[in-house]
Amino acid sequence: MKDFHFDAIAAFENYEIEEMKGGRVVVTTKVVDSSLNYYGNAHGGYLFTLCDQISGLVLISQGVDGVTLQSSINYLKAGRLGDVLTIRGHCVHAGRTTRVVDVVIANQEGANVCKATFTMFVTGERKEEARVRI
């Protein structure tokens, strides 16, 4: 049996924050070698990590911190090496203790690669010194 080495998946090896305000976040990134699975496609864990990170940024853009309480993801199309992915997250419910965030990842052709929904637990107001500014 071949000895497999599990390398770390670099979710944010290269990225650009295009928008981050008022519960909306748009980030672009490029699929690189370290984000591929054994079949040469973007690893599902890599795509999920992108969605999870964007969900956190959506909360930060609203001035609060939070953690993932529940999530679901649908993989719709394979991401390929070199694809430029646009990850769009927006808050669809802004409750006092929970937020619901929808995230869609699309490739450079506009085809949806995956769609996820996250229920986030609000852990508190984001402290001024920790605020992200773009």
C-alpha atoms as a PDB file:
ATOM      1  CA  MET A   1       0.000   0.000   0.000  1.00  0.00           C
ATOM      2  CA  LYS A   2       1.268   3.432  -0.936  1.00  0.00           C
ATOM      3  CA  ASP A   3       2.282   5.672   1.947  1.00  0.00           C
ATOM      4  CA  PHE A   4       0.171   8.829   1.833  1.00  0.00           C
ATOM      5  CA  HIS A   5       1.290  12.074   3.398  1.00  0.00           C
ATOM      6  CA  PHE A   6      -1.499  14.440   4.376  1.00  0.00           C
ATOM      7  CA  ASP A   7      -0.303  17.972   3.696  1.00  0.00           C
ATOM      8  CA  ALA A   8      -2.029  20.946   5.261  1.00  0.00           C
ATOM      9  CA  ILE A   9      -4.690  22.501   3.096  1.00  0.00           C
ATOM     10  CA  ALA A  10      -3.848  26.183   2.673  1.00  0.00           C
ATOM     11  CA  ALA A  11      -7.254  27.847   2.501  1.00  0.00           C
ATOM     12  CA  PHE A  12      -5.886  31.340   2.371  1.00  0.00           C
ATOM     13  CA  GLU A  13      -2.608  30.970   0.529  1.00  0.00           C
ATOM     14  CA  ASN A  14      -3.624  33.809  -1.775  1.00  0.00           C
ATOM     15  CA  TYR A  15      -6.697  35.978  -1.502  1.00  0.00           C
ATOM     16  CA  GLU A  16      -8.108  39.453  -1.990  1.00  0.00           C
ATOM     17  CA  ILE A  17     -10.897  40.964   0.117  1.00  0.00           C
ATOM     18  CA  GLU A  18     -13.094  42.792  -2.401  1.00  0.00           C
ATOM     19  CA  GLU A  19     -15.854  43.863   0.011  1.00  0.00           C
ATOM     20  CA  MET A  20     -16.461  43.547   3.753  1.00  0.00           C
ATOM     21  CA  LYS A  21     -19.202  45.653   5.288  1.00  0.00           C
ATOM     22  CA  GLY A  22     -22.641  45.459   6.807  1.00  0.00           C
ATOM     23  CA  GLY A  23     -23.003  41.684   6.719  1.00  0.00           C
ATOM     24  CA  ARG A  24     -21.646  41.219   3.183  1.00  0.00           C
ATOM     25  CA  VAL A  25     -18.227  39.819   2.295  1.00  0.00           C
ATOM     26  CA  VAL A  26     -16.667  39.104  -1.093  1.00  0.00           C
ATOM     27  CA  VAL A  27     -13.255  37.440  -1.332  1.00  0.00           C
ATOM     28  CA  THR A  28     -11.391  36.101  -4.369  1.00  0.00           C
ATOM     29  CA  THR A  29      -8.728  33.409  -4.375  1.00  0.00           C
ATOM     30  CA  LYS A  30      -7.028  31.084  -6.821  1.00  0.00           C
ATOM     31  CA  VAL A  31      -7.027  27.280  -6.581  1.00  0.00           C
ATOM     32  CA  VAL A  32      -3.414  26.173  -6.092  1.00  0.00           C
ATOM     33  CA  ASP A  33      -1.651  22.788  -5.844  1.00  0.00           C
ATOM     34  CA  SER A  34      -1.946  22.639  -2.053  1.00  0.00           C
ATOM     35  CA  SER A  35      -5.746  22.903  -2.268  1.00  0.00           C
ATOM     36  CA  LEU A  36      -6.233  19.833  -4.505  1.00  0.00           C
ATOM     37  CA  ASN A  37      -7.482  16.385  -3.543  1.00  0.00           C
ATOM     38  CA  TYR A  38      -6.174  13.057  -4.873  1.00  0.00           C
ATOM     39  CA  TYR A  39      -8.234  13.484  -8.055  1.00  0.00           C
ATOM     40  CA  GLY A  40      -6.787  16.874  -8.941  1.00  0.00           C
ATOM     41  CA  ASN A  41      -9.884  18.880  -7.957  1.00  0.00           C
ATOM     42  CA  ALA A  42     -10.303  21.480  -5.220  1.00  0.00           C
ATOM     43  CA  HIS A  43     -10.604  19.497  -1.993  1.00  0.00           C
ATOM     44  CA  GLY A  44     -14.032  19.613  -0.347  1.00  0.00           C
ATOM     45  CA  GLY A  45     -12.385  20.480   2.958  1.00  0.00           C
ATOM     46  CA  TYR A  46     -10.634  23.411   1.304  1.00  0.00           C
ATOM     47  CA  LEU A  47     -13.930  24.697  -0.108  1.00  0.00           C
ATOM     48  CA  PHE A  48     -15.658  24.199   3.243  1.00  0.00           C
ATOM     49  CA  THR A  49     -12.857  26.057   5.039  1.00  0.00           C
ATOM     50  CA  LEU A  50     -13.235  28.999   2.657  1.00  0.00           C
ATOM     51  CA  CYS A  51     -16.977  29.108   3.387  1.00  0.00           C
ATOM     52  CA  ASP A  52     -16.446  28.822   7.152  1.00  0.00           C
ATOM     53  CA  GLN A  53     -13.853  31.606   7.188  1.00  0.00           C
ATOM     54  CA  ILE A  54     -16.086  33.886   5.130  1.00  0.00           C
ATOM     55  CA  SER A  55     -18.977  33.248   7.538  1.00  0.00           C
ATOM     56  CA  GLY A  56     -16.770  34.475  10.376  1.00  0.00           C
ATOM     57  CA  LEU A  57     -15.817  37.555   8.371  1.00  0.00           C
ATOM     58  CA  VAL A  58     -19.505  38.297   7.763  1.00  0.00           C
ATOM     59  CA  LEU A  59     -20.042  38.484  11.519  1.00  0.00           C
ATOM     60  CA  ILE A  60     -16.919  40.589  11.974  1.00  0.00           C
ATOM     61  CA  SER A  61     -18.273  42.979   9.321  1.00  0.00           C
ATOM     62  CA  GLN A  62     -21.308  43.417  11.588  1.00  0.00           C
ATOM     63  CA  GLY A  63     -19.155  44.257  14.603  1.00  0.00           C
ATOM     64  CA  VAL A  64     -19.554  40.965  16.448  1.00  0.00           C
ATOM     65  CA  ASP A  65     -17.515  37.810  17.016  1.00  0.00           C
ATOM     66  CA  GLY A  66     -18.942  34.338  16.672  1.00  0.00           C
ATOM     67  CA  VAL A  67     -18.350  30.648  16.166  1.00  0.00           C
ATOM     68  CA  THR A  68     -19.968  28.105  13.878  1.00  0.00           C
ATOM     69  CA  LEU A  69     -22.886  26.364  15.546  1.00  0.00           C
ATOM     70  CA  GLN A  70     -24.154  24.379  12.549  1.00  0.00           C
ATOM     71  CA  SER A  71     -23.370  24.213   8.849  1.00  0.00           C
ATOM     72  CA  SER A  72     -24.337  22.486   5.640  1.00  0.00           C
ATOM     73  CA  ILE A  73     -22.722  22.543   2.233  1.00  0.00           C
ATOM     74  CA  ASN A  74     -23.662  21.393  -1.250  1.00  0.00           C
ATOM     75  CA  TYR A  75     -20.838  20.723  -3.711  1.00  0.00           C
ATOM     76  CA  LEU A  76     -22.122  21.578  -7.173  1.00  0.00           C
ATOM     77  CA  LYS A  77     -19.145  21.637  -9.557  1.00  0.00           C
ATOM     78  CA  ALA A  78     -15.494  20.699  -9.326  1.00  0.00           C
ATOM     79  CA  GLY A  79     -12.988  23.448  -8.694  1.00  0.00           C
ATOM     80  CA  ARG A  80      -9.900  23.064 -10.897  1.00  0.00           C
ATOM     81  CA  LEU A  81      -6.265  24.047 -10.547  1.00  0.00           C
ATOM     82  CA  GLY A  82      -5.925  27.692 -11.572  1.00  0.00           C
ATOM     83  CA  ASP A  83      -9.610  28.533 -11.151  1.00  0.00           C
ATOM     84  CA  VAL A  84     -10.233  31.985  -9.722  1.00  0.00           C
ATOM     85  CA  LEU A  85     -12.902  31.565  -7.073  1.00  0.00           C
ATOM     86  CA  THR A  86     -15.188  34.296  -5.803  1.00  0.00           C
ATOM     87  CA  ILE A  87     -16.594  33.610  -2.351  1.00  0.00           C
ATOM     88  CA  ARG A  88     -19.663  35.673  -1.447  1.00  0.00           C
ATOM     89  CA  GLY A  89     -21.134  35.603   2.029  1.00  0.00           C
ATOM     90  CA  HIS A  90     -24.096  37.514   3.381  1.00  0.00           C
ATOM     91  CA  CYS A  91     -26.111  37.481   6.563  1.00  0.00           C
ATOM     92  CA  VAL A  92     -29.715  36.390   6.001  1.00  0.00           C
ATOM     93  CA  HIS A  93     -30.700  36.535   9.693  1.00  0.00           C
ATOM     94  CA  ALA A  94     -29.106  38.851  12.244  1.00  0.00           C
ATOM     95  CA  GLY A  95     -30.436  37.758  15.603  1.00  0.00           C
ATOM     96  CA  ARG A  96     -29.133  38.814  18.995  1.00  0.00           C
ATOM     97  CA  THR A  97     -27.470  35.456  19.753  1.00  0.00           C
ATOM     98  CA  THR A  98     -27.376  33.732  16.378  1.00  0.00           C
ATOM     99  CA  ARG A  99     -26.739  34.753  12.777  1.00  0.00           C
ATOM    100  CA  VAL A 100     -27.470  32.757   9.632  1.00  0.00           C
ATOM    101  CA  VAL A 101     -25.017  33.248   6.792  1.00  0.00           C
ATOM    102  CA  ASP A 102     -25.308  32.033   3.196  1.00  0.00           C
ATOM    103  CA  VAL A 103     -22.076  31.527   1.252  1.00  0.00           C
ATOM    104  CA  VAL A 104     -21.652  30.793  -2.454  1.00  0.00           C
ATOM    105  CA  ILE A 105     -18.383  30.003  -4.215  1.00  0.00           C
ATOM    106  CA  ALA A 106     -18.338  30.583  -7.981  1.00  0.00           C
ATOM    107  CA  ASN A 107     -15.546  30.113 -10.522  1.00  0.00           C
ATOM    108  CA  GLN A 108     -14.272  32.673 -13.044  1.00  0.00           C
ATOM    109  CA  GLU A 109     -17.037  31.643 -15.464  1.00  0.00           C
ATOM    110  CA  GLY A 110     -19.726  32.395 -12.880  1.00  0.00           C
ATOM    111  CA  ALA A 111     -20.597  28.722 -12.351  1.00  0.00           C
ATOM    112  CA  ASN A 112     -21.425  27.845  -8.744  1.00  0.00           C
ATOM    113  CA  VAL A 113     -18.871  25.467  -7.241  1.00  0.00           C
ATOM    114  CA  CYS A 114     -20.653  25.116  -3.892  1.00  0.00           C
ATOM    115  CA  LYS A 115     -23.281  26.714  -1.663  1.00  0.00           C
ATOM    116  CA  ALA A 116     -23.254  26.634   2.131  1.00  0.00           C
ATOM    117  CA  THR A 117     -25.360  27.852   5.016  1.00  0.00           C
ATOM    118  CA  PHE A 118     -23.919  28.533   8.465  1.00  0.00           C
ATOM    119  CA  THR A 119     -25.659  29.159  11.759  1.00  0.00           C
ATOM    120  CA  MET A 120     -23.264  31.222  13.836  1.00  0.00           C
ATOM    121  CA  PHE A 121     -23.393  31.742  17.606  1.00  0.00           C
ATOM    122  CA  VAL A 122     -22.605  35.335  18.568  1.00  0.00           C
ATOM    123  CA  THR A 123     -19.965  35.320  21.312  1.00  0.00           C
ATOM    124  CA  GLY A 124     -20.003  39.073  21.842  1.00  0.00           C
ATOM    125  CA  GLU A 125     -19.330  42.493  20.432  1.00  0.00           C
ATOM    126  CA  ARG A 126     -16.025  42.809  18.597  1.00  0.00           C
ATOM    127  CA  LYS A 127     -13.587  44.920  20.558  1.00  0.00           C
ATOM    128  CA  GLU A 128     -12.402  48.098  18.846  1.00  0.00           C
ATOM    129  CA  GLU A 129      -8.722  46.999  18.857  1.00  0.00           C
ATOM    130  CA  ALA A 130      -9.658  43.767  17.073  1.00  0.00           C
ATOM    131  CA  ARG A 131     -11.792  45.365  14.349  1.00  0.00           C
ATOM    132  CA  VAL A 132     -10.880  44.634  10.746  1.00  0.00           C
ATOM    133  CA  ARG A 133     -10.723  47.654   8.469  1.00  0.00           C
ATOM    134  CA  ILE A 134     -10.516  47.539   4.677  1.00  0.00           C
END
